[in-house]
C-alpha atoms as a PDB file:
ATOM      1  CA  MET A   1       6.853  17.883  10.228  1.00  0.00           C
ATOM      2  CA  PRO A   2      10.583  18.800  10.358  1.00  0.00           C
ATOM      3  CA  ASP A   3       9.571  22.350  11.334  1.00  0.00           C
ATOM      4  CA  GLN A   4       7.776  20.934  14.378  1.00  0.00           C
ATOM      5  CA  LEU A   5      10.822  19.015  15.456  1.00  0.00           C
ATOM      6  CA  ASP A   6      12.919  22.163  15.244  1.00  0.00           C
ATOM      7  CA  ARG A   7      10.498  24.011  17.551  1.00  0.00           C
ATOM      8  CA  GLY A   8      10.537  21.584  20.474  1.00  0.00           C
ATOM      9  CA  GLY A   9       9.982  18.210  18.894  1.00  0.00           C
ATOM     10  CA  ASP A  10       9.445  16.311  22.127  1.00  0.00           C
ATOM     11  CA  GLU A  11       6.298  18.245  22.964  1.00  0.00           C
ATOM     12  CA  TYR A  12       5.010  17.928  19.408  1.00  0.00           C
ATOM     13  CA  LEU A  13       5.591  14.193  19.406  1.00  0.00           C
ATOM     14  CA  LEU A  14       3.872  13.905  22.794  1.00  0.00           C
ATOM     15  CA  LEU A  15       0.890  15.861  21.491  1.00  0.00           C
ATOM     16  CA  GLN A  16       0.651  13.574  18.458  1.00  0.00           C
ATOM     17  CA  ARG A  17       0.736  10.529  20.731  1.00  0.00           C
ATOM     18  CA  ILE A  18      -1.914  12.111  22.984  1.00  0.00           C
ATOM     19  CA  GLY A  19      -4.060  12.487  19.871  1.00  0.00           C
ATOM     20  CA  ALA A  20      -3.761   8.734  19.412  1.00  0.00           C
ATOM     21  CA  GLY A  21      -4.957   8.156  23.002  1.00  0.00           C
ATOM     22  CA  ASP A  22      -1.533   7.379  24.492  1.00  0.00           C
ATOM     23  CA  THR A  23      -1.908   7.858  28.262  1.00  0.00           C
ATOM     24  CA  ALA A  24       1.845   7.552  28.870  1.00  0.00           C
ATOM     25  CA  ALA A  25       2.416  10.486  26.523  1.00  0.00           C
ATOM     26  CA  PHE A  26      -0.204  12.496  28.391  1.00  0.00           C
ATOM     27  CA  GLU A  27       1.499  11.702  31.710  1.00  0.00           C
ATOM     28  CA  ALA A  28       4.815  12.937  30.313  1.00  0.00           C
ATOM     29  CA  PHE A  29       3.130  16.074  28.942  1.00  0.00           C
ATOM     30  CA  TYR A  30       1.442  16.605  32.310  1.00  0.00           C
ATOM     31  CA  LYS A  31       4.795  16.405  34.125  1.00  0.00           C
ATOM     32  CA  ILE A  32       6.293  18.986  31.776  1.00  0.00           C
ATOM     33  CA  TYR A  33       3.448  21.474  32.086  1.00  0.00           C
ATOM     34  CA  TYR A  34       2.158  21.037  35.633  1.00  0.00           C
ATOM     35  CA  PRO A  35       4.870  23.145  37.386  1.00  0.00           C
ATOM     36  CA  ARG A  36       4.715  25.852  34.742  1.00  0.00           C
ATOM     37  CA  LEU A  37       0.913  26.019  34.861  1.00  0.00           C
ATOM     38  CA  PHE A  38       0.900  25.950  38.654  1.00  0.00           C
ATOM     39  CA  ARG A  39       3.127  28.994  38.830  1.00  0.00           C
ATOM     40  CA  PHE A  40       1.216  30.818  36.086  1.00  0.00           C
ATOM     41  CA  VAL A  41      -2.262  30.183  37.487  1.00  0.00           C
ATOM     42  CA  LEU A  42      -1.130  30.930  41.045  1.00  0.00           C
ATOM     43  CA  ARG A  43       0.356  34.248  39.992  1.00  0.00           C
ATOM     44  CA  MET A  44      -2.784  35.078  38.034  1.00  0.00           C
ATOM     45  CA  THR A  45      -5.234  34.266  40.819  1.00  0.00           C
ATOM     46  CA  ARG A  46      -3.034  35.049  43.853  1.00  0.00           C
ATOM     47  CA  GLN A  47      -4.978  32.297  45.630  1.00  0.00           C
ATOM     48  CA  THR A  48      -4.074  28.686  46.248  1.00  0.00           C
ATOM     49  CA  GLU A  49      -7.714  27.606  46.185  1.00  0.00           C
ATOM     50  CA  GLY A  50      -8.765  26.440  42.764  1.00  0.00           C
ATOM     51  CA  VAL A  51      -5.292  26.305  41.190  1.00  0.00           C
ATOM     52  CA  GLU A  52      -5.326  22.513  40.941  1.00  0.00           C
ATOM     53  CA  GLU A  53      -8.783  22.545  39.395  1.00  0.00           C
ATOM     54  CA  LEU A  54      -7.772  25.120  36.769  1.00  0.00           C
ATOM     55  CA  ILE A  55      -4.678  23.090  35.862  1.00  0.00           C
ATOM     56  CA  GLN A  56      -6.785  19.945  35.566  1.00  0.00           C
ATOM     57  CA  GLU A  57      -9.322  21.752  33.355  1.00  0.00           C
ATOM     58  CA  THR A  58      -6.529  23.098  31.154  1.00  0.00           C
ATOM     59  CA  LEU A  59      -4.826  19.746  30.715  1.00  0.00           C
ATOM     60  CA  LEU A  60      -8.179  18.035  30.173  1.00  0.00           C
ATOM     61  CA  VAL A  61      -8.604  20.232  27.085  1.00  0.00           C
ATOM     62  CA  VAL A  62      -5.185  19.032  25.898  1.00  0.00           C
ATOM     63  CA  TRP A  63      -6.235  15.417  26.455  1.00  0.00           C
ATOM     64  CA  GLU A  64      -9.664  15.749  24.876  1.00  0.00           C
ATOM     65  CA  ARG A  65      -8.732  18.075  21.996  1.00  0.00           C
ATOM     66  CA  PRO A  66      -5.037  17.759  21.133  1.00  0.00           C
ATOM     67  CA  HIS A  67      -5.976  18.423  17.513  1.00  0.00           C
ATOM     68  CA  GLY A  68      -7.140  21.883  18.603  1.00  0.00           C
ATOM     69  CA  PHE A  69      -3.500  22.897  18.397  1.00  0.00           C
ATOM     70  CA  ASN A  70      -3.144  24.560  14.990  1.00  0.00           C
ATOM     71  CA  ASN A  71       0.671  24.749  14.609  1.00  0.00           C
ATOM     72  CA  GLU A  72       0.562  28.556  14.356  1.00  0.00           C
ATOM     73  CA  SER A  73       2.511  28.957  17.594  1.00  0.00           C
ATOM     74  CA  LYS A  74       4.470  26.969  20.117  1.00  0.00           C
ATOM     75  CA  ILE A  75       2.578  24.346  22.099  1.00  0.00           C
ATOM     76  CA  SER A  76       3.325  26.284  25.285  1.00  0.00           C
ATOM     77  CA  THR A  77       1.581  29.337  23.811  1.00  0.00           C
ATOM     78  CA  TRP A  78      -1.495  27.225  23.105  1.00  0.00           C
ATOM     79  CA  VAL A  79      -1.500  25.640  26.574  1.00  0.00           C
ATOM     80  CA  PHE A  80      -0.986  28.965  28.379  1.00  0.00           C
ATOM     81  CA  GLY A  81      -3.794  30.440  26.266  1.00  0.00           C
ATOM     82  CA  ILE A  82      -6.164  27.735  27.479  1.00  0.00           C
ATOM     83  CA  ALA A  83      -5.055  28.282  31.082  1.00  0.00           C
ATOM     84  CA  TYR A  84      -5.362  32.055  30.776  1.00  0.00           C
ATOM     85  CA  LYS A  85      -8.937  31.897  29.489  1.00  0.00           C
ATOM     86  CA  LYS A  86      -9.985  29.385  32.134  1.00  0.00           C
ATOM     87  CA  THR A  87      -8.339  31.465  34.866  1.00  0.00           C
ATOM     88  CA  LEU A  88     -10.036  34.675  33.740  1.00  0.00           C
ATOM     89  CA  LYS A  89     -13.399  32.896  33.751  1.00  0.00           C
ATOM     90  CA  ALA A  90     -12.743  31.596  37.260  1.00  0.00           C
ATOM     91  CA  LEU A  91     -11.714  35.058  38.481  1.00  0.00           C
ATOM     92  CA  ALA A  92     -14.838  36.579  36.995  1.00  0.00           C
ATOM     93  CA  LYS A  93     -16.989  33.839  38.496  1.00  0.00           C
ATOM     94  CA  THR A  94     -15.653  34.181  42.022  1.00  0.00           C
ATOM     95  CA  ALA A  95     -15.288  37.993  41.800  1.00  0.00           C
ATOM     96  CA  ARG A  96     -13.953  38.094  45.314  1.00  0.00           C
ATOM     97  CA  ARG A  97     -11.148  40.153  46.695  1.00  0.00           C
ATOM     98  CA  GLU A  98      -7.709  38.758  45.918  1.00  0.00           C
ATOM     99  CA  ARG A  99      -5.418  37.799  48.754  1.00  0.00           C
ATOM    100  CA  ASP A 100      -1.679  38.258  48.758  1.00  0.00           C
ATOM    101  CA  ILE A 101       0.151  35.000  49.313  1.00  0.00           C
ATOM    102  CA  ASP A 102       3.805  34.228  49.718  1.00  0.00           C
ATOM    103  CA  ILE A 103       4.974  32.276  46.675  1.00  0.00           C
ATOM    104  CA  ASP A 104       7.823  30.835  48.767  1.00  0.00           C
ATOM    105  CA  GLN A 105       5.267  29.014  50.959  1.00  0.00           C
ATOM    106  CA  VAL A 106       4.086  26.970  48.003  1.00  0.00           C
ATOM    107  CA  ALA A 107       7.454  26.484  46.291  1.00  0.00           C
ATOM    108  CA  ASP A 108       7.465  22.791  47.211  1.00  0.00           C
ATOM    109  CA  LEU A 109       4.192  22.325  45.347  1.00  0.00           C
ATOM    110  CA  THR A 110       5.454  23.962  42.168  1.00  0.00           C
ATOM    111  CA  GLY A 111       8.403  21.652  41.736  1.00  0.00           C
ATOM    112  CA  ASP A 112      10.708  24.632  41.229  1.00  0.00           C
ATOM    113  CA  PRO A 113      14.205  23.273  41.865  1.00  0.00           C
ATOM    114  CA  ILE A 114      15.655  26.712  42.649  1.00  0.00           C
ATOM    115  CA  ALA A 115      15.009  27.802  46.220  1.00  0.00           C
ATOM    116  CA  ASN A 116      15.122  31.506  47.072  1.00  0.00           C
ATOM    117  CA  PRO A 117      18.204  32.312  49.170  1.00  0.00           C
ATOM    118  CA  ALA A 118      17.612  34.146  52.438  1.00  0.00           C
ATOM    119  CA  ASP A 119      18.990  37.427  51.109  1.00  0.00           C
ATOM    120  CA  ASN A 120      16.339  37.493  48.348  1.00  0.00           C
ATOM    121  CA  TRP A 121      13.324  37.120  50.664  1.00  0.00           C
ATOM    122  CA  GLU A 122      12.829  40.846  51.028  1.00  0.00           C
ATOM    123  CA  ASN A 123      12.908  41.300  47.255  1.00  0.00           C
ATOM    124  CA  GLN A 124      10.512  38.396  46.787  1.00  0.00           C
ATOM    125  CA  ASP A 125       8.119  39.870  49.345  1.00  0.00           C
ATOM    126  CA  TRP A 126       8.223  43.203  47.559  1.00  0.00           C
ATOM    127  CA  LEU A 127       7.748  41.553  44.167  1.00  0.00           C
ATOM    128  CA  ASN A 128       4.765  39.575  45.448  1.00  0.00           C
ATOM    129  CA  PHE A 129       3.249  42.790  46.821  1.00  0.00           C
ATOM    130  CA  ALA A 130       3.911  44.632  43.560  1.00  0.00           C
ATOM    131  CA  LEU A 131       2.385  41.850  41.454  1.00  0.00           C
ATOM    132  CA  THR A 132      -0.691  41.877  43.681  1.00  0.00           C
ATOM    133  CA  SER A 133      -1.211  45.544  42.875  1.00  0.00           C
ATOM    134  CA  LEU A 134      -1.450  44.777  39.140  1.00  0.00           C
ATOM    135  CA  SER A 135      -4.570  43.699  37.281  1.00  0.00           C
ATOM    136  CA  PRO A 136      -4.772  40.011  36.271  1.00  0.00           C
ATOM    137  CA  GLU A 137      -4.107  41.013  32.664  1.00  0.00           C
ATOM    138  CA  GLN A 138      -0.949  42.946  33.627  1.00  0.00           C
ATOM    139  CA  ARG A 139       0.235  40.086  35.884  1.00  0.00           C
ATOM    140  CA  ALA A 140      -0.237  37.673  32.984  1.00  0.00           C
ATOM    141  CA  VAL A 141       1.956  39.808  30.727  1.00  0.00           C
ATOM    142  CA  ILE A 142       4.691  40.020  33.391  1.00  0.00           C
ATOM    143  CA  GLU A 143       4.487  36.294  34.184  1.00  0.00           C
ATOM    144  CA  LEU A 144       4.500  35.085  30.578  1.00  0.00           C
ATOM    145  CA  THR A 145       7.270  37.463  29.507  1.00  0.00           C
ATOM    146  CA  PHE A 146       9.703  37.260  32.406  1.00  0.00           C
ATOM    147  CA  TYR A 147       9.023  33.866  33.981  1.00  0.00           C
ATOM    148  CA  HIS A 148       8.145  31.824  30.904  1.00  0.00           C
ATOM    149  CA  GLY A 149      10.226  33.668  28.310  1.00  0.00           C
ATOM    150  CA  LEU A 150       7.463  34.291  25.780  1.00  0.00           C
ATOM    151  CA  SER A 151       7.818  37.088  23.239  1.00  0.00           C
ATOM    152  CA  TYR A 152       5.206  39.844  23.016  1.00  0.00           C
ATOM    153  CA  GLN A 153       3.843  38.169  19.897  1.00  0.00           C
ATOM    154  CA  GLU A 154       3.441  34.861  21.758  1.00  0.00           C
ATOM    155  CA  VAL A 155       1.904  36.599  24.776  1.00  0.00           C
ATOM    156  CA  ALA A 156      -0.595  38.259  22.418  1.00  0.00           C
ATOM    157  CA  LYS A 157      -1.628  34.822  21.160  1.00  0.00           C
ATOM    158  CA  VAL A 158      -1.991  33.490  24.703  1.00  0.00           C
ATOM    159  CA  LEU A 159      -4.074  36.476  25.809  1.00  0.00           C
ATOM    160  CA  ASP A 160      -5.964  36.601  22.498  1.00  0.00           C
ATOM    161  CA  CYS A 161      -5.318  40.305  22.021  1.00  0.00           C
ATOM    162  CA  PRO A 162      -3.244  42.510  19.711  1.00  0.00           C
ATOM    163  CA  GLU A 163       0.496  42.711  20.333  1.00  0.00           C
ATOM    164  CA  ASN A 164       0.168  46.460  20.966  1.00  0.00           C
ATOM    165  CA  THR A 165      -2.242  45.688  23.829  1.00  0.00           C
ATOM    166  CA  VAL A 166       0.422  43.463  25.355  1.00  0.00           C
ATOM    167  CA  LYS A 167       2.969  46.265  25.029  1.00  0.00           C
ATOM    168  CA  THR A 168       0.550  48.736  26.622  1.00  0.00           C
ATOM    169  CA  ARG A 169      -0.162  46.373  29.518  1.00  0.00           C
ATOM    170  CA  MET A 170       3.576  45.861  30.016  1.00  0.00           C
ATOM    171  CA  PHE A 171       4.173  49.615  29.975  1.00  0.00           C
ATOM    172  CA  HIS A 172       1.483  50.240  32.597  1.00  0.00           C
ATOM    173  CA  ALA A 173       2.614  47.303  34.733  1.00  0.00           C
ATOM    174  CA  ARG A 174       6.222  48.503  34.728  1.00  0.00           C
ATOM    175  CA  ARG A 175       5.138  52.047  35.469  1.00  0.00           C
ATOM    176  CA  LYS A 176       2.999  50.955  38.411  1.00  0.00           C
ATOM    177  CA  MET A 177       5.839  48.800  39.764  1.00  0.00           C
ATOM    178  CA  GLN A 178       8.286  51.727  39.414  1.00  0.00           C
ATOM    179  CA  ILE A 179       5.906  53.936  41.388  1.00  0.00           C
ATOM    180  CA  LEU A 180       5.653  51.272  44.079  1.00  0.00           C
ATOM    181  CA  ALA A 181       9.449  50.887  44.149  1.00  0.00           C
ATOM    182  CA  GLY A 182       9.804  54.643  44.604  1.00  0.00           C
ATOM    183  CA  ALA A 183       7.291  54.613  47.439  1.00  0.00           C
ATOM    184  CA  GLN A 184       9.144  51.728  49.087  1.00  0.00           C
ATOM    185  CA  GLU A 185      12.407  53.676  49.077  1.00  0.00           C
ATOM    186  CA  ASN A 186      10.826  56.672  50.832  1.00  0.00           C
END
């Protein structure tokens, strides 16, 4: 148990309390993960429709099966893995063309305390466009690595694939974004 406390004890204690049916612990867990999941699922789907439902489905798994966490990774890796699988299923089910949305328009919903300054809008617009051009799998690698700070090993666990696949997806995502950046400059 001391190892768990060293790796983010608050979340581990909350998960233990959730396992005992503690609704207050689940509410606290929900508040921690909701903004992070909102951003992740939104960036994966590029659609506002269905984001809430996917977050609810993800956190319902946490509530119903907190003992499904096997202590082989961080809790966030486990939670993002659940969200990733549910999001991929939803994308496959709808199989409709993705729409580009402006992340800044939904910033109030995400609870992100850092607002984008006016001089970064152009960069944000370009980044949103560039992310839209990537596959959902490549977007997930970018999102989990750069926005949530997960290592390649942790991303591999979330995506349930080998670490080398994560590295390959990152390579191709970066390459595609570099090509788009070059085209933007011309």
